[in-house]
Amino acid sequence: MTTVEIEYCVPCGFLDRAEAIQHALLEQFGDRLDRVALVTGDHGVLTVAVDGDVLWDKSEDDYDVDEITRRVREAI
């Protein structure tokens, strides 16, 4: 099974975004994922990794839950 980790910046208040991504991924792929973990971070981080490979990074990409979901779909 596949593991997804969503690392988010606590001081920046990115928990809401991380939870929105987590919810979308569990809704779409819940039966195909082993876990979708929220990982606390700092320094403005907001990333999505599948099995250790970062597929989306806020510093490089616009925040778009549909795009993140598409990238995870391609990875699994």
PDB file of N, CA and C in Angstrom:
ATOM      1  N   MET A   1       0.846  -1.183   0.000  1.00  0.00           N
ATOM      2  CA  MET A   1       0.000   0.000   0.000  1.00  0.00           C
ATOM      3  C   MET A   1       0.891   1.246   0.000  1.00  0.00           C
ATOM      4  N   THR A   2       0.260   2.357  -0.215  1.00  0.00           N
ATOM      5  CA  THR A   2       0.959   3.624  -0.391  1.00  0.00           C
ATOM      6  C   THR A   2       0.808   4.506   0.838  1.00  0.00           C
ATOM      7  N   THR A   3       1.883   5.228   1.156  1.00  0.00           N
ATOM      8  CA  THR A   3       1.887   6.171   2.270  1.00  0.00           C
ATOM      9  C   THR A   3       2.038   7.587   1.735  1.00  0.00           C
ATOM     10  N   VAL A   4       1.191   8.482   2.210  1.00  0.00           N
ATOM     11  CA  VAL A   4       1.265   9.894   1.843  1.00  0.00           C
ATOM     12  C   VAL A   4       1.572  10.684   3.107  1.00  0.00           C
ATOM     13  N   GLU A   5       2.530  11.610   2.999  1.00  0.00           N
ATOM     14  CA  GLU A   5       2.850  12.500   4.106  1.00  0.00           C
ATOM     15  C   GLU A   5       2.655  13.937   3.660  1.00  0.00           C
ATOM     16  N   ILE A   6       1.913  14.679   4.448  1.00  0.00           N
ATOM     17  CA  ILE A   6       1.670  16.091   4.184  1.00  0.00           C
ATOM     18  C   ILE A   6       2.371  16.854   5.300  1.00  0.00           C
ATOM     19  N   GLU A   7       3.485  17.498   4.963  1.00  0.00           N
ATOM     20  CA  GLU A   7       4.212  18.286   5.953  1.00  0.00           C
ATOM     21  C   GLU A   7       3.752  19.731   5.844  1.00  0.00           C
ATOM     22  N   TYR A   8       3.422  20.319   6.978  1.00  0.00           N
ATOM     23  CA  TYR A   8       2.873  21.673   6.976  1.00  0.00           C
ATOM     24  C   TYR A   8       3.509  22.520   8.075  1.00  0.00           C
ATOM     25  N   CYS A   9       3.587  23.808   7.819  1.00  0.00           N
ATOM     26  CA  CYS A   9       4.166  24.759   8.759  1.00  0.00           C
ATOM     27  C   CYS A   9       3.142  25.110   9.837  1.00  0.00           C
ATOM     28  N   VAL A  10       3.460  24.750  11.080  1.00  0.00           N
ATOM     29  CA  VAL A  10       2.570  25.052  12.201  1.00  0.00           C
ATOM     30  C   VAL A  10       2.492  26.563  12.460  1.00  0.00           C
ATOM     31  N   PRO A  11       3.644  27.261  12.595  1.00  0.00           N
ATOM     32  CA  PRO A  11       3.572  28.702  12.872  1.00  0.00           C
ATOM     33  C   PRO A  11       2.851  29.501  11.778  1.00  0.00           C
ATOM     34  N   CYS A  12       2.875  28.999  10.548  1.00  0.00           N
ATOM     35  CA  CYS A  12       2.229  29.703   9.428  1.00  0.00           C
ATOM     36  C   CYS A  12       0.717  29.507   9.406  1.00  0.00           C
ATOM     37  N   GLY A  13       0.231  28.534  10.156  1.00  0.00           N
ATOM     38  CA  GLY A  13      -1.199  28.257  10.173  1.00  0.00           C
ATOM     39  C   GLY A  13      -1.673  27.460   8.974  1.00  0.00           C
ATOM     40  N   PHE A  14      -0.819  26.567   8.454  1.00  0.00           N
ATOM     41  CA  PHE A  14      -1.176  25.773   7.275  1.00  0.00           C
ATOM     42  C   PHE A  14      -1.951  24.497   7.605  1.00  0.00           C
ATOM     43  N   LEU A  15      -2.356  24.336   8.852  1.00  0.00           N
ATOM     44  CA  LEU A  15      -3.096  23.127   9.229  1.00  0.00           C
ATOM     45  C   LEU A  15      -4.372  22.986   8.407  1.00  0.00           C
ATOM     46  N   ASP A  16      -5.113  24.065   8.188  1.00  0.00           N
ATOM     47  CA  ASP A  16      -6.353  23.983   7.412  1.00  0.00           C
ATOM     48  C   ASP A  16      -6.088  23.471   6.000  1.00  0.00           C
ATOM     49  N   ARG A  17      -5.046  23.969   5.365  1.00  0.00           N
ATOM     50  CA  ARG A  17      -4.703  23.498   4.013  1.00  0.00           C
ATOM     51  C   ARG A  17      -4.299  22.027   4.033  1.00  0.00           C
ATOM     52  N   ALA A  18      -3.489  21.655   5.018  1.00  0.00           N
ATOM     53  CA  ALA A  18      -3.049  20.264   5.122  1.00  0.00           C
ATOM     54  C   ALA A  18      -4.239  19.333   5.327  1.00  0.00           C
ATOM     55  N   GLU A  19      -5.174  19.755   6.169  1.00  0.00           N
ATOM     56  CA  GLU A  19      -6.367  18.932   6.404  1.00  0.00           C
ATOM     57  C   GLU A  19      -7.242  18.846   5.153  1.00  0.00           C
ATOM     58  N   ALA A  20      -7.330  19.916   4.383  1.00  0.00           N
ATOM     59  CA  ALA A  20      -8.111  19.887   3.142  1.00  0.00           C
ATOM     60  C   ALA A  20      -7.500  18.913   2.143  1.00  0.00           C
ATOM     61  N   ILE A  21      -6.178  18.913   2.048  1.00  0.00           N
ATOM     62  CA  ILE A  21      -5.489  17.972   1.154  1.00  0.00           C
ATOM     63  C   ILE A  21      -5.717  16.544   1.653  1.00  0.00           C
ATOM     64  N   GLN A  22      -5.552  16.326   2.958  1.00  0.00           N
ATOM     65  CA  GLN A  22      -5.741  15.003   3.536  1.00  0.00           C
ATOM     66  C   GLN A  22      -7.154  14.492   3.265  1.00  0.00           C
ATOM     67  N   HIS A  23      -8.140  15.336   3.485  1.00  0.00           N
ATOM     68  CA  HIS A  23      -9.535  14.949   3.270  1.00  0.00           C
ATOM     69  C   HIS A  23      -9.776  14.564   1.811  1.00  0.00           C
ATOM     70  N   ALA A  24      -9.278  15.373   0.882  1.00  0.00           N
ATOM     71  CA  ALA A  24      -9.469  15.094  -0.547  1.00  0.00           C
ATOM     72  C   ALA A  24      -8.823  13.767  -0.938  1.00  0.00           C
ATOM     73  N   LEU A  25      -7.628  13.513  -0.428  1.00  0.00           N
ATOM     74  CA  LEU A  25      -6.935  12.275  -0.773  1.00  0.00           C
ATOM     75  C   LEU A  25      -7.629  11.058  -0.177  1.00  0.00           C
ATOM     76  N   LEU A  26      -8.088  11.168   1.056  1.00  0.00           N
ATOM     77  CA  LEU A  26      -8.801  10.040   1.667  1.00  0.00           C
ATOM     78  C   LEU A  26     -10.131   9.784   0.973  1.00  0.00           C
ATOM     79  N   GLU A  27     -10.802  10.830   0.554  1.00  0.00           N
ATOM     80  CA  GLU A  27     -12.066  10.674  -0.170  1.00  0.00           C
ATOM     81  C   GLU A  27     -11.849   9.975  -1.507  1.00  0.00           C
ATOM     82  N   GLN A  28     -10.813  10.377  -2.228  1.00  0.00           N
ATOM     83  CA  GLN A  28     -10.546   9.819  -3.556  1.00  0.00           C
ATOM     84  C   GLN A  28      -9.908   8.433  -3.521  1.00  0.00           C
ATOM     85  N   PHE A  29      -8.937   8.252  -2.615  1.00  0.00           N
ATOM     86  CA  PHE A  29      -8.098   7.048  -2.662  1.00  0.00           C
ATOM     87  C   PHE A  29      -8.041   6.281  -1.354  1.00  0.00           C
ATOM     88  N   GLY A  30      -8.972   6.509  -0.458  1.00  0.00           N
ATOM     89  CA  GLY A  30      -8.924   5.916   0.874  1.00  0.00           C
ATOM     90  C   GLY A  30      -8.685   4.425   0.891  1.00  0.00           C
ATOM     91  N   ASP A  31      -9.249   3.698  -0.061  1.00  0.00           N
ATOM     92  CA  ASP A  31      -9.092   2.247  -0.094  1.00  0.00           C
ATOM     93  C   ASP A  31      -7.753   1.812  -0.683  1.00  0.00           C
ATOM     94  N   ARG A  32      -7.006   2.757  -1.284  1.00  0.00           N
ATOM     95  CA  ARG A  32      -5.725   2.433  -1.922  1.00  0.00           C
ATOM     96  C   ARG A  32      -4.533   2.965  -1.133  1.00  0.00           C
ATOM     97  N   LEU A  33      -4.795   3.641  -0.013  1.00  0.00           N
ATOM     98  CA  LEU A  33      -3.723   4.241   0.767  1.00  0.00           C
ATOM     99  C   LEU A  33      -3.590   3.547   2.113  1.00  0.00           C
ATOM    100  N   ASP A  34      -2.359   3.306   2.515  1.00  0.00           N
ATOM    101  CA  ASP A  34      -2.097   2.731   3.825  1.00  0.00           C
ATOM    102  C   ASP A  34      -2.299   3.788   4.896  1.00  0.00           C
ATOM    103  N   ARG A  35      -1.802   5.004   4.630  1.00  0.00           N
ATOM    104  CA  ARG A  35      -2.016   6.114   5.558  1.00  0.00           C
ATOM    105  C   ARG A  35      -1.782   7.438   4.857  1.00  0.00           C
ATOM    106  N   VAL A  36      -2.415   8.458   5.399  1.00  0.00           N
ATOM    107  CA  VAL A  36      -2.193   9.842   4.991  1.00  0.00           C
ATOM    108  C   VAL A  36      -1.867  10.591   6.270  1.00  0.00           C
ATOM    109  N   ALA A  37      -0.579  10.873   6.467  1.00  0.00           N
ATOM    110  CA  ALA A  37      -0.103  11.436   7.725  1.00  0.00           C
ATOM    111  C   ALA A  37       0.129  12.934   7.618  1.00  0.00           C
ATOM    112  N   LEU A  38      -0.258  13.645   8.665  1.00  0.00           N
ATOM    113  CA  LEU A  38       0.067  15.061   8.790  1.00  0.00           C
ATOM    114  C   LEU A  38       1.348  15.147   9.615  1.00  0.00           C
ATOM    115  N   VAL A  39       2.345  15.836   9.061  1.00  0.00           N
ATOM    116  CA  VAL A  39       3.647  15.957   9.697  1.00  0.00           C
ATOM    117  C   VAL A  39       3.906  17.438   9.981  1.00  0.00           C
ATOM    118  N   THR A  40       4.169  17.764  11.234  1.00  0.00           N
ATOM    119  CA  THR A  40       4.388  19.165  11.589  1.00  0.00           C
ATOM    120  C   THR A  40       5.766  19.633  11.124  1.00  0.00           C
ATOM    121  N   GLY A  41       5.811  20.902  10.724  1.00  0.00           N
ATOM    122  CA  GLY A  41       7.055  21.503  10.277  1.00  0.00           C
ATOM    123  C   GLY A  41       7.054  22.992  10.569  1.00  0.00           C
ATOM    124  N   ASP A  42       8.020  23.685   9.984  1.00  0.00           N
ATOM    125  CA  ASP A  42       8.118  25.135  10.169  1.00  0.00           C
ATOM    126  C   ASP A  42       8.780  25.745   8.933  1.00  0.00           C
ATOM    127  N   HIS A  43       9.126  26.998   9.019  1.00  0.00           N
ATOM    128  CA  HIS A  43       9.794  27.723   7.935  1.00  0.00           C
ATOM    129  C   HIS A  43       8.977  27.744   6.641  1.00  0.00           C
ATOM    130  N   GLY A  44       7.655  27.781   6.735  1.00  0.00           N
ATOM    131  CA  GLY A  44       6.799  27.939   5.568  1.00  0.00           C
ATOM    132  C   GLY A  44       6.565  26.687   4.743  1.00  0.00           C
ATOM    133  N   VAL A  45       6.919  25.531   5.267  1.00  0.00           N
ATOM    134  CA  VAL A  45       6.804  24.294   4.511  1.00  0.00           C
ATOM    135  C   VAL A  45       5.340  23.879   4.328  1.00  0.00           C
ATOM    136  N   LEU A  46       5.044  23.398   3.148  1.00  0.00           N
ATOM    137  CA  LEU A  46       3.790  22.699   2.855  1.00  0.00           C
ATOM    138  C   LEU A  46       4.092  21.810   1.658  1.00  0.00           C
ATOM    139  N   THR A  47       4.273  20.523   1.919  1.00  0.00           N
ATOM    140  CA  THR A  47       4.632  19.571   0.874  1.00  0.00           C
ATOM    141  C   THR A  47       3.759  18.329   0.964  1.00  0.00           C
ATOM    142  N   VAL A  48       3.667  17.627  -0.156  1.00  0.00           N
ATOM    143  CA  VAL A  48       2.972  16.343  -0.210  1.00  0.00           C
ATOM    144  C   VAL A  48       3.944  15.337  -0.809  1.00  0.00           C
ATOM    145  N   ALA A  49       4.195  14.261  -0.059  1.00  0.00           N
ATOM    146  CA  ALA A  49       5.108  13.210  -0.515  1.00  0.00           C
ATOM    147  C   ALA A  49       4.373  11.882  -0.548  1.00  0.00           C
ATOM    148  N   VAL A  50       4.643  11.104  -1.578  1.00  0.00           N
ATOM    149  CA  VAL A  50       4.101   9.754  -1.709  1.00  0.00           C
ATOM    150  C   VAL A  50       5.271   8.787  -1.644  1.00  0.00           C
ATOM    151  N   ASP A  51       5.229   7.911  -0.662  1.00  0.00           N
ATOM    152  CA  ASP A  51       6.299   6.936  -0.436  1.00  0.00           C
ATOM    153  C   ASP A  51       7.676   7.597  -0.437  1.00  0.00           C
ATOM    154  N   GLY A  52       7.756   8.782   0.176  1.00  0.00           N
ATOM    155  CA  GLY A  52       9.027   9.471   0.335  1.00  0.00           C
ATOM    156  C   GLY A  52       9.407  10.428  -0.772  1.00  0.00           C
ATOM    157  N   ASP A  53       8.702  10.392  -1.899  1.00  0.00           N
ATOM    158  CA  ASP A  53       9.003  11.287  -3.021  1.00  0.00           C
ATOM    159  C   ASP A  53       8.075  12.498  -2.976  1.00  0.00           C
ATOM    160  N   VAL A  54       8.646  13.700  -2.907  1.00  0.00           N
ATOM    161  CA  VAL A  54       7.841  14.914  -2.866  1.00  0.00           C
ATOM    162  C   VAL A  54       7.222  15.156  -4.238  1.00  0.00           C
ATOM    163  N   LEU A  55       5.877  15.192  -4.273  1.00  0.00           N
ATOM    164  CA  LEU A  55       5.153  15.408  -5.525  1.00  0.00           C
ATOM    165  C   LEU A  55       4.670  16.835  -5.678  1.00  0.00           C
ATOM    166  N   TRP A  56       4.528  17.505  -4.553  1.00  0.00           N
ATOM    167  CA  TRP A  56       4.025  18.885  -4.586  1.00  0.00           C
ATOM    168  C   TRP A  56       4.673  19.665  -3.467  1.00  0.00           C
ATOM    169  N   ASP A  57       5.100  20.904  -3.789  1.00  0.00           N
ATOM    170  CA  ASP A  57       5.763  21.770  -2.822  1.00  0.00           C
ATOM    171  C   ASP A  57       5.225  23.187  -2.992  1.00  0.00           C
ATOM    172  N   LYS A  58       4.709  23.765  -1.914  1.00  0.00           N
ATOM    173  CA  LYS A  58       4.130  25.104  -1.967  1.00  0.00           C
ATOM    174  C   LYS A  58       5.116  26.127  -2.506  1.00  0.00           C
ATOM    175  N   SER A  59       6.391  25.944  -2.243  1.00  0.00           N
ATOM    176  CA  SER A  59       7.394  26.906  -2.686  1.00  0.00           C
ATOM    177  C   SER A  59       7.581  26.893  -4.198  1.00  0.00           C
ATOM    178  N   GLU A  60       7.114  25.832  -4.863  1.00  0.00           N
ATOM    179  CA  GLU A  60       7.285  25.710  -6.309  1.00  0.00           C
ATOM    180  C   GLU A  60       5.970  25.726  -7.085  1.00  0.00           C
ATOM    181  N   ASP A  61       4.866  25.402  -6.427  1.00  0.00           N
ATOM    182  CA  ASP A  61       3.587  25.230  -7.112  1.00  0.00           C
ATOM    183  C   ASP A  61       2.483  26.021  -6.419  1.00  0.00           C
ATOM    184  N   ASP A  62       1.458  26.384  -7.189  1.00  0.00           N
ATOM    185  CA  ASP A  62       0.281  27.037  -6.616  1.00  0.00           C
ATOM    186  C   ASP A  62      -0.513  26.022  -5.794  1.00  0.00           C
ATOM    187  N   TYR A  63      -1.163  26.515  -4.751  1.00  0.00           N
ATOM    188  CA  TYR A  63      -2.000  25.649  -3.917  1.00  0.00           C
ATOM    189  C   TYR A  63      -3.282  25.344  -4.676  1.00  0.00           C
ATOM    190  N   ASP A  64      -3.437  24.093  -5.068  1.00  0.00           N
ATOM    191  CA  ASP A  64      -4.607  23.641  -5.816  1.00  0.00           C
ATOM    192  C   ASP A  64      -4.850  22.181  -5.448  1.00  0.00           C
ATOM    193  N   VAL A  65      -5.856  21.949  -4.634  1.00  0.00           N
ATOM    194  CA  VAL A  65      -6.124  20.593  -4.145  1.00  0.00           C
ATOM    195  C   VAL A  65      -6.378  19.636  -5.308  1.00  0.00           C
ATOM    196  N   ASP A  66      -7.056  20.087  -6.350  1.00  0.00           N
ATOM    197  CA  ASP A  66      -7.316  19.215  -7.500  1.00  0.00           C
ATOM    198  C   ASP A  66      -6.016  18.795  -8.185  1.00  0.00           C
ATOM    199  N   GLU A  67      -5.074  19.715  -8.320  1.00  0.00           N
ATOM    200  CA  GLU A  67      -3.782  19.392  -8.927  1.00  0.00           C
ATOM    201  C   GLU A  67      -2.998  18.428  -8.050  1.00  0.00           C
ATOM    202  N   ILE A  68      -3.035  18.638  -6.753  1.00  0.00           N
ATOM    203  CA  ILE A  68      -2.342  17.736  -5.833  1.00  0.00           C
ATOM    204  C   ILE A  68      -2.948  16.334  -5.931  1.00  0.00           C
ATOM    205  N   THR A  69      -4.263  16.257  -5.973  1.00  0.00           N
ATOM    206  CA  THR A  69      -4.953  14.975  -6.104  1.00  0.00           C
ATOM    207  C   THR A  69      -4.568  14.279  -7.399  1.00  0.00           C
ATOM    208  N   ARG A  70      -4.475  15.042  -8.485  1.00  0.00           N
ATOM    209  CA  ARG A  70      -4.075  14.469  -9.784  1.00  0.00           C
ATOM    210  C   ARG A  70      -2.665  13.879  -9.703  1.00  0.00           C
ATOM    211  N   ARG A  71      -1.762  14.603  -9.081  1.00  0.00           N
ATOM    212  CA  ARG A  71      -0.372  14.107  -8.971  1.00  0.00           C
ATOM    213  C   ARG A  71      -0.302  12.844  -8.127  1.00  0.00           C
ATOM    214  N   VAL A  72      -1.075  12.805  -7.050  1.00  0.00           N
ATOM    215  CA  VAL A  72      -1.077  11.588  -6.230  1.00  0.00           C
ATOM    216  C   VAL A  72      -1.682  10.425  -7.016  1.00  0.00           C
ATOM    217  N   ARG A  73      -2.731  10.681  -7.773  1.00  0.00           N
ATOM    218  CA  ARG A  73      -3.346   9.632  -8.601  1.00  0.00           C
ATOM    219  C   ARG A  73      -2.309   9.034  -9.556  1.00  0.00           C
ATOM    220  N   GLU A  74      -1.502   9.883 -10.177  1.00  0.00           N
ATOM    221  CA  GLU A  74      -0.476   9.402 -11.100  1.00  0.00           C
ATOM    222  C   GLU A  74       0.596   8.581 -10.380  1.00  0.00           C
ATOM    223  N   ALA A  75       0.866   8.921  -9.125  1.00  0.00           N
ATOM    224  CA  ALA A  75       1.918   8.232  -8.373  1.00  0.00           C
ATOM    225  C   ALA A  75       1.486   6.876  -7.842  1.00  0.00           C
ATOM    226  N   ILE A  76       0.168   6.716  -7.622  1.00  0.00           N
ATOM    227  CA  ILE A  76      -0.272   5.438  -7.065  1.00  0.00           C
ATOM    228  C   ILE A  76      -0.877   4.595  -8.163  1.00  0.00           C
TER     229      ILE A  76
END
